Amino acid sequence: MKITDLALVFIMICLPFLIVNEIQLDRLAYISYRNIEIDHIIDTAVEDGVALMLDVDQQGISINQERALDTFLQTLYLNFGLINDNLSKQRIMSYIPVVAIIDYDGLLLYSYTSYTNNSNEKRIEPIWYPKIYYTYNDNARTYYFTLDDYVKVFDMENQTLIEGRRKDLEAKFNDGIIADDQRFDDIRRRAIIQTIEESVGFHINEHNLYASLFGIEYEFMLPVIEKDDWNNTIDDISMLVFIQGLPIGDHGEFYNGYAIGGARIVKDEKYFLQIGDNCIGYYHRSNCIELIDRKLMLDSQKNCALKGYYPCRLCQP
């Protein structure tokens, strides 16, 4: 057999595999692109929702979860091209098992439920559930935490409720978590995360019952949330949205993701950036006597370090 004949045989054998491989690579590239595209759509919608989530007046700051949700959905529908397609809007909603608002003192959840209306008709639709508070019980006291160090303490033996900043309550509690700043913060964070995980996980699992009625063949479950995302979530009033089971391909591929947006109002500590006389950048507390320029600031030491700034040796932030 001539070498040209061997080459033709080789091409005839390998060509189908090369074509199939090229098709698979194109499909994977498309799926990757769609995931990135949907990530951006959801992030943008959450940012818009958070931007209109707060009401600020002389009484203080309050959450307007209805407006936040409406704004989120309008941006979502717009970027998916569904503004005038009510049927597709309802379909998209069925892939959102839960919307969570992490409020200052508790968790607000928007998720599906079933009920019978006044006409004795069974309805399935999403509703806002009552607030779930961030609590911790040590058998003697129940603690109602917030996103900062403000806490309510209910003494079960004396049936009394005391509230205030942790440091201000130290004199009244010489034992337990109030007396230990680090332990207080560790337990507070764990309690908030546990409240979110358990509550959101329950509603996502419950969504499987309703999704099957919508004709969705997908198992909804709480995804793994990165540690940095948890820290961002419990450090500020925020919105957390999950979208799962959204078809994005012809071979059973699904989008499964979440987005978090913070309102940036709980963090009172700000760090100001300034270049020192030695041409090195430092970050300072607001009351540092060396601070002259207050134009640049960040809300965490980590972000300052990522920008290449060092802590001021005088105010020691």
Protein backbone atom coordinates (compact mmCIF):
# COMPACT_ATOMS: atom_id res chain seq x y z
CA MET A 1 0.00 0.00 0.00
CA LYS A 2 1.33 3.39 -1.00
CA ILE A 3 2.03 6.07 1.59
CA THR A 4 -0.69 8.25 0.06
CA ASP A 5 -3.20 5.44 0.53
CA LEU A 6 -2.18 5.12 4.18
CA ALA A 7 -2.61 8.87 4.62
CA LEU A 8 -6.10 8.72 3.15
CA VAL A 9 -7.05 5.84 5.43
CA PHE A 10 -5.69 7.78 8.44
CA ILE A 11 -7.68 10.87 7.49
CA MET A 12 -10.86 8.85 6.98
CA ILE A 13 -10.48 7.28 10.43
CA CYS A 14 -9.49 10.42 12.34
CA LEU A 15 -11.63 13.04 10.61
CA PRO A 16 -14.93 12.07 12.29
CA PHE A 17 -13.26 12.18 15.71
CA LEU A 18 -11.77 15.60 14.96
CA ILE A 19 -15.15 16.92 13.84
CA VAL A 20 -16.87 15.58 16.96
CA ASN A 21 -14.14 17.02 19.17
CA GLU A 22 -14.47 20.42 17.49
CA ILE A 23 -18.23 20.37 18.04
CA GLN A 24 -17.75 19.49 21.71
CA LEU A 25 -15.21 22.29 22.18
CA ASP A 26 -17.60 24.78 20.56
CA ARG A 27 -20.40 23.58 22.85
CA LEU A 28 -18.24 23.90 25.97
CA ALA A 29 -17.17 27.38 24.90
CA TYR A 30 -20.80 28.37 24.42
CA ILE A 31 -21.81 26.98 27.84
CA SER A 32 -18.93 28.85 29.48
CA TYR A 33 -19.96 32.07 27.72
CA ARG A 34 -23.60 31.65 28.78
CA ASN A 35 -22.61 31.08 32.41
CA ILE A 36 -20.54 34.27 32.42
CA GLU A 37 -23.34 36.17 30.66
CA ILE A 38 -26.00 35.03 33.15
CA ASP A 39 -23.66 35.75 36.09
CA HIS A 40 -23.42 39.33 34.83
CA ILE A 41 -27.19 39.61 34.33
CA ILE A 42 -27.93 38.43 37.88
CA ASP A 43 -25.19 40.56 39.44
CA THR A 44 -26.54 43.65 37.68
CA ALA A 45 -30.12 42.88 38.74
CA VAL A 46 -29.07 42.39 42.38
CA GLU A 47 -27.06 45.63 42.36
CA ASP A 48 -30.10 47.52 41.05
CA GLY A 49 -32.34 45.91 43.66
CA VAL A 50 -29.98 46.79 46.49
CA ALA A 51 -29.66 50.37 45.24
CA LEU A 52 -33.40 50.91 45.89
CA MET A 53 -33.76 48.65 48.92
CA LEU A 54 -33.43 51.26 51.67
CA ASP A 55 -35.77 53.99 52.89
CA VAL A 56 -33.93 56.75 54.74
CA ASP A 57 -35.83 59.41 56.69
CA GLN A 58 -35.80 61.18 60.04
CA GLN A 59 -36.87 57.92 61.70
CA GLY A 60 -33.72 56.20 60.42
CA ILE A 61 -33.16 53.45 57.87
CA SER A 62 -35.70 50.78 56.96
CA ILE A 63 -35.89 47.97 54.41
CA ASN A 64 -38.28 48.19 51.46
CA GLN A 65 -38.06 44.58 50.30
CA GLU A 66 -40.96 44.88 47.86
CA ARG A 67 -39.29 47.70 45.94
CA ALA A 68 -35.94 45.89 46.01
CA LEU A 69 -37.54 42.74 44.60
CA ASP A 70 -39.51 44.61 41.92
CA THR A 71 -36.37 46.45 40.80
CA PHE A 72 -34.35 43.23 40.75
CA LEU A 73 -36.98 41.47 38.63
CA GLN A 74 -37.42 44.37 36.20
CA THR A 75 -33.67 44.47 35.52
CA LEU A 76 -33.57 40.68 35.23
CA TYR A 77 -36.45 40.62 32.74
CA LEU A 78 -34.97 43.49 30.76
CA ASN A 79 -31.57 41.85 30.36
CA PHE A 80 -33.15 38.52 29.44
CA GLY A 81 -35.31 40.32 26.87
CA LEU A 82 -38.59 39.37 28.56
CA ILE A 83 -40.21 42.72 29.33
CA ASN A 84 -43.28 42.00 27.16
CA ASP A 85 -43.36 38.22 27.64
CA ASN A 86 -45.37 37.43 30.77
CA LEU A 87 -45.26 33.67 30.22
CA SER A 88 -41.45 33.66 30.08
CA LYS A 89 -41.34 35.88 33.16
CA GLN A 90 -43.28 33.27 35.10
CA ARG A 91 -40.96 30.59 33.74
CA ILE A 92 -37.85 32.47 34.90
CA MET A 93 -39.39 32.92 38.35
CA SER A 94 -39.75 29.15 38.68
CA TYR A 95 -35.94 28.86 38.51
CA ILE A 96 -35.53 31.24 41.48
CA PRO A 97 -36.08 29.08 44.58
CA VAL A 98 -35.49 31.90 47.05
CA VAL A 99 -34.62 35.58 47.36
CA ALA A 100 -33.09 36.51 50.72
CA ILE A 101 -32.74 39.94 52.30
CA ILE A 102 -30.13 39.89 55.07
CA ASP A 103 -31.54 42.66 57.26
CA TYR A 104 -29.82 44.27 60.25
CA ASP A 105 -31.51 42.05 62.84
CA GLY A 106 -32.99 39.17 60.85
CA LEU A 107 -33.59 37.36 57.59
CA LEU A 108 -36.39 38.05 55.10
CA LEU A 109 -37.20 35.32 52.56
CA TYR A 110 -39.23 35.42 49.36
CA SER A 111 -40.12 31.90 48.23
CA TYR A 112 -42.93 29.75 46.89
CA THR A 113 -45.81 28.42 48.99
CA SER A 114 -49.16 26.80 48.35
CA TYR A 115 -52.51 27.86 49.82
CA THR A 116 -56.22 27.79 49.18
CA ASN A 117 -57.81 31.16 48.39
CA ASN A 118 -61.27 32.45 49.26
CA SER A 119 -62.70 30.79 46.15
CA ASN A 120 -61.42 27.42 47.41
CA GLU A 121 -58.82 27.35 44.64
CA LYS A 122 -55.35 26.01 45.34
CA ARG A 123 -52.67 28.54 44.44
CA ILE A 124 -48.88 28.27 44.22
CA GLU A 125 -46.97 31.55 44.27
CA PRO A 126 -44.03 33.21 46.01
CA ILE A 127 -44.59 35.29 49.15
CA TRP A 128 -42.55 37.17 51.74
CA TYR A 129 -42.21 35.09 54.89
CA PRO A 130 -42.05 36.64 58.41
CA LYS A 131 -38.62 37.79 59.56
CA ILE A 132 -36.36 35.13 61.07
CA TYR A 133 -34.15 36.59 63.81
CA TYR A 134 -30.48 35.76 64.38
CA THR A 135 -30.63 33.98 67.73
CA TYR A 136 -28.38 31.93 69.97
CA ASN A 137 -29.35 30.08 73.17
CA ASP A 138 -26.89 29.04 75.89
CA ASN A 139 -29.57 27.51 78.17
CA ALA A 140 -29.50 30.52 80.52
CA ARG A 141 -30.01 33.34 78.03
CA THR A 142 -31.25 33.92 74.51
CA TYR A 143 -29.22 36.37 72.42
CA TYR A 144 -30.73 38.30 69.52
CA PHE A 145 -27.82 39.35 67.32
CA THR A 146 -27.46 42.02 64.66
CA LEU A 147 -24.97 42.65 61.87
CA ASP A 148 -22.79 44.60 64.31
CA ASP A 149 -22.24 44.43 68.10
CA TYR A 150 -25.71 45.60 69.12
CA VAL A 151 -27.48 42.74 70.92
CA LYS A 152 -30.61 41.94 72.90
CA VAL A 153 -30.22 39.49 75.79
CA PHE A 154 -33.21 37.71 77.31
CA ASP A 155 -32.56 36.17 80.72
CA MET A 156 -34.83 33.13 80.96
CA GLU A 157 -34.61 32.82 84.73
CA ASN A 158 -35.46 36.45 85.54
CA GLN A 159 -37.61 36.96 82.44
CA THR A 160 -35.82 40.24 81.66
CA LEU A 161 -34.67 41.74 78.37
CA ILE A 162 -31.59 43.96 78.19
CA GLU A 163 -30.21 45.48 75.00
CA GLY A 164 -27.28 47.62 73.89
CA ARG A 165 -23.76 47.51 72.50
CA ARG A 166 -21.77 44.50 73.70
CA LYS A 167 -19.16 46.69 75.40
CA ASP A 168 -21.84 48.71 77.20
CA LEU A 169 -23.37 45.51 78.58
CA GLU A 170 -20.12 44.08 79.95
CA ALA A 171 -20.73 45.49 83.43
CA LYS A 172 -24.08 43.70 83.64
CA PHE A 173 -22.74 40.32 82.49
CA ASN A 174 -19.53 39.11 84.09
CA ASP A 175 -19.91 35.69 82.49
CA GLY A 176 -21.01 34.25 79.17
CA ILE A 177 -20.26 35.58 75.70
CA ILE A 178 -20.92 39.27 76.49
CA ALA A 179 -17.74 39.41 78.59
CA ASP A 180 -15.54 38.08 75.77
CA ASP A 181 -15.31 40.27 72.66
CA GLN A 182 -13.76 37.65 70.36
CA ARG A 183 -16.05 34.85 71.51
CA PHE A 184 -19.06 37.12 71.12
CA ASP A 185 -18.12 37.96 67.54
CA ASP A 186 -17.37 34.32 66.64
CA ILE A 187 -20.71 33.09 68.00
CA ARG A 188 -22.59 36.03 66.45
CA ARG A 189 -21.18 35.25 63.01
CA ARG A 190 -21.87 31.54 63.30
CA ALA A 191 -25.43 32.21 64.46
CA ILE A 192 -26.15 34.50 61.49
CA ILE A 193 -24.61 32.11 58.95
CA GLN A 194 -26.45 29.15 60.48
CA THR A 195 -29.76 31.04 60.34
CA ILE A 196 -29.23 31.84 56.66
CA GLU A 197 -28.00 28.36 55.73
CA GLU A 198 -30.79 26.49 57.50
CA SER A 199 -33.60 28.80 56.38
CA VAL A 200 -32.46 29.21 52.77
CA GLY A 201 -31.60 25.51 52.52
CA PHE A 202 -35.08 24.55 53.75
CA HIS A 203 -36.84 26.76 51.18
CA ILE A 204 -34.60 25.62 48.32
CA ASN A 205 -35.34 22.01 49.21
CA GLU A 206 -39.08 22.78 49.43
CA HIS A 207 -38.88 24.35 45.98
CA ASN A 208 -38.35 20.88 44.49
CA LEU A 209 -42.02 20.11 45.30
CA TYR A 210 -43.23 23.12 43.34
CA ALA A 211 -40.67 22.80 40.52
CA SER A 212 -41.94 19.33 39.68
CA LEU A 213 -45.45 20.80 39.28
CA PHE A 214 -43.97 23.40 36.90
CA GLY A 215 -42.48 20.60 34.78
CA ILE A 216 -38.89 21.27 35.88
CA GLU A 217 -36.72 18.14 36.15
CA TYR A 218 -33.89 19.46 38.29
CA GLU A 219 -32.88 18.88 41.91
CA PHE A 220 -32.62 22.23 43.67
CA MET A 221 -30.15 22.37 46.57
CA LEU A 222 -28.18 24.94 48.56
CA PRO A 223 -24.88 25.53 46.72
CA VAL A 224 -21.51 25.84 48.42
CA ILE A 225 -21.00 29.50 49.29
CA GLU A 226 -17.42 30.76 49.50
CA LYS A 227 -16.09 32.04 52.84
CA ASP A 228 -15.47 35.54 51.44
CA ASP A 229 -19.07 35.68 50.20
CA TRP A 230 -20.33 34.71 53.67
CA ASN A 231 -18.19 37.45 55.21
CA ASN A 232 -19.54 40.02 52.77
CA THR A 233 -23.10 38.82 53.43
CA ILE A 234 -23.03 39.08 57.23
CA ASP A 235 -21.06 42.33 57.36
CA ASP A 236 -23.78 44.44 55.76
CA ILE A 237 -27.46 44.59 54.88
CA SER A 238 -27.62 42.72 51.59
CA MET A 239 -29.62 40.80 49.01
CA LEU A 240 -28.86 37.17 48.18
CA VAL A 241 -30.50 35.58 45.13
CA PHE A 242 -30.29 32.00 43.86
CA ILE A 243 -31.07 30.89 40.29
CA GLN A 244 -30.84 27.16 39.59
CA GLY A 245 -31.79 24.64 36.93
CA LEU A 246 -31.99 27.23 34.12
CA PRO A 247 -31.40 25.37 30.81
CA ILE A 248 -28.48 26.83 28.84
CA GLY A 249 -27.66 24.08 26.35
CA ASP A 250 -29.02 21.26 24.21
CA HIS A 251 -27.32 18.45 26.14
CA GLY A 252 -28.78 18.85 29.63
CA GLU A 253 -26.60 21.75 30.78
CA PHE A 254 -28.01 24.01 33.49
CA TYR A 255 -27.09 27.32 35.04
CA ASN A 256 -26.68 27.11 38.82
CA GLY A 257 -25.52 30.25 40.59
CA TYR A 258 -26.15 32.99 43.11
CA ALA A 259 -25.46 36.70 43.50
CA ILE A 260 -24.89 38.91 46.55
CA GLY A 261 -25.18 42.68 46.79
CA GLY A 262 -24.54 44.80 49.88
CA ALA A 263 -26.09 48.14 50.83
CA ARG A 264 -22.85 49.36 52.49
CA ILE A 265 -24.40 51.02 55.53
CA VAL A 266 -23.53 48.81 58.50
CA LYS A 267 -19.79 49.17 58.33
CA ASP A 268 -19.08 52.36 60.25
CA GLU A 269 -15.29 52.01 60.15
CA LYS A 270 -13.69 53.64 57.15
CA TYR A 271 -10.01 53.67 56.30
CA PHE A 272 -8.47 56.65 54.51
CA LEU A 273 -5.65 56.23 52.00
CA GLN A 274 -2.73 58.60 51.90
CA ILE A 275 0.79 58.60 50.48
CA GLY A 276 3.41 59.23 53.17
CA ASP A 277 6.53 61.41 52.97
CA ASN A 278 8.52 58.29 52.12
CA CYS A 279 6.31 57.77 49.03
CA ILE A 280 4.72 54.67 50.61
CA GLY A 281 0.95 54.39 50.83
CA TYR A 282 -0.67 54.03 54.28
CA TYR A 283 -4.26 53.65 55.46
CA HIS A 284 -5.46 55.55 58.54
CA ARG A 285 -8.35 55.72 60.94
CA SER A 286 -10.57 58.79 60.60
CA ASN A 287 -9.14 60.37 63.77
CA CYS A 288 -5.45 59.93 62.90
CA ILE A 289 -3.52 63.18 63.41
CA GLU A 290 -1.31 62.40 60.39
CA LEU A 291 -4.33 62.21 58.08
CA ILE A 292 -4.54 65.23 55.75
CA ASP A 293 -6.19 63.96 52.57
CA ARG A 294 -9.66 62.39 53.05
CA LYS A 295 -10.58 61.95 49.40
CA LEU A 296 -9.74 58.24 49.10
CA MET A 297 -11.18 55.66 51.48
CA LEU A 298 -12.06 51.96 51.70
CA ASP A 299 -14.27 50.03 54.11
CA SER A 300 -11.95 47.17 55.08
CA GLN A 301 -8.31 46.59 55.97
CA LYS A 302 -8.21 43.73 53.49
CA ASN A 303 -9.21 46.00 50.61
CA CYS A 304 -6.59 48.55 51.68
CA ALA A 305 -3.91 45.86 51.66
CA LEU A 306 -5.03 44.63 48.25
CA LYS A 307 -4.51 48.17 46.95
CA GLY A 308 -0.93 48.08 48.24
CA TYR A 309 -1.36 50.27 51.34
CA TYR A 310 0.19 49.58 54.75
CA PRO A 311 -1.39 50.27 58.18
CA CYS A 312 -0.38 53.57 59.76
CA ARG A 313 2.08 53.03 62.61
CA LEU A 314 0.58 55.88 64.62
CA CYS A 315 -3.18 55.13 64.66
CA GLN A 316 -2.66 51.37 64.11
CA PRO A 317 -5.91 50.60 62.24
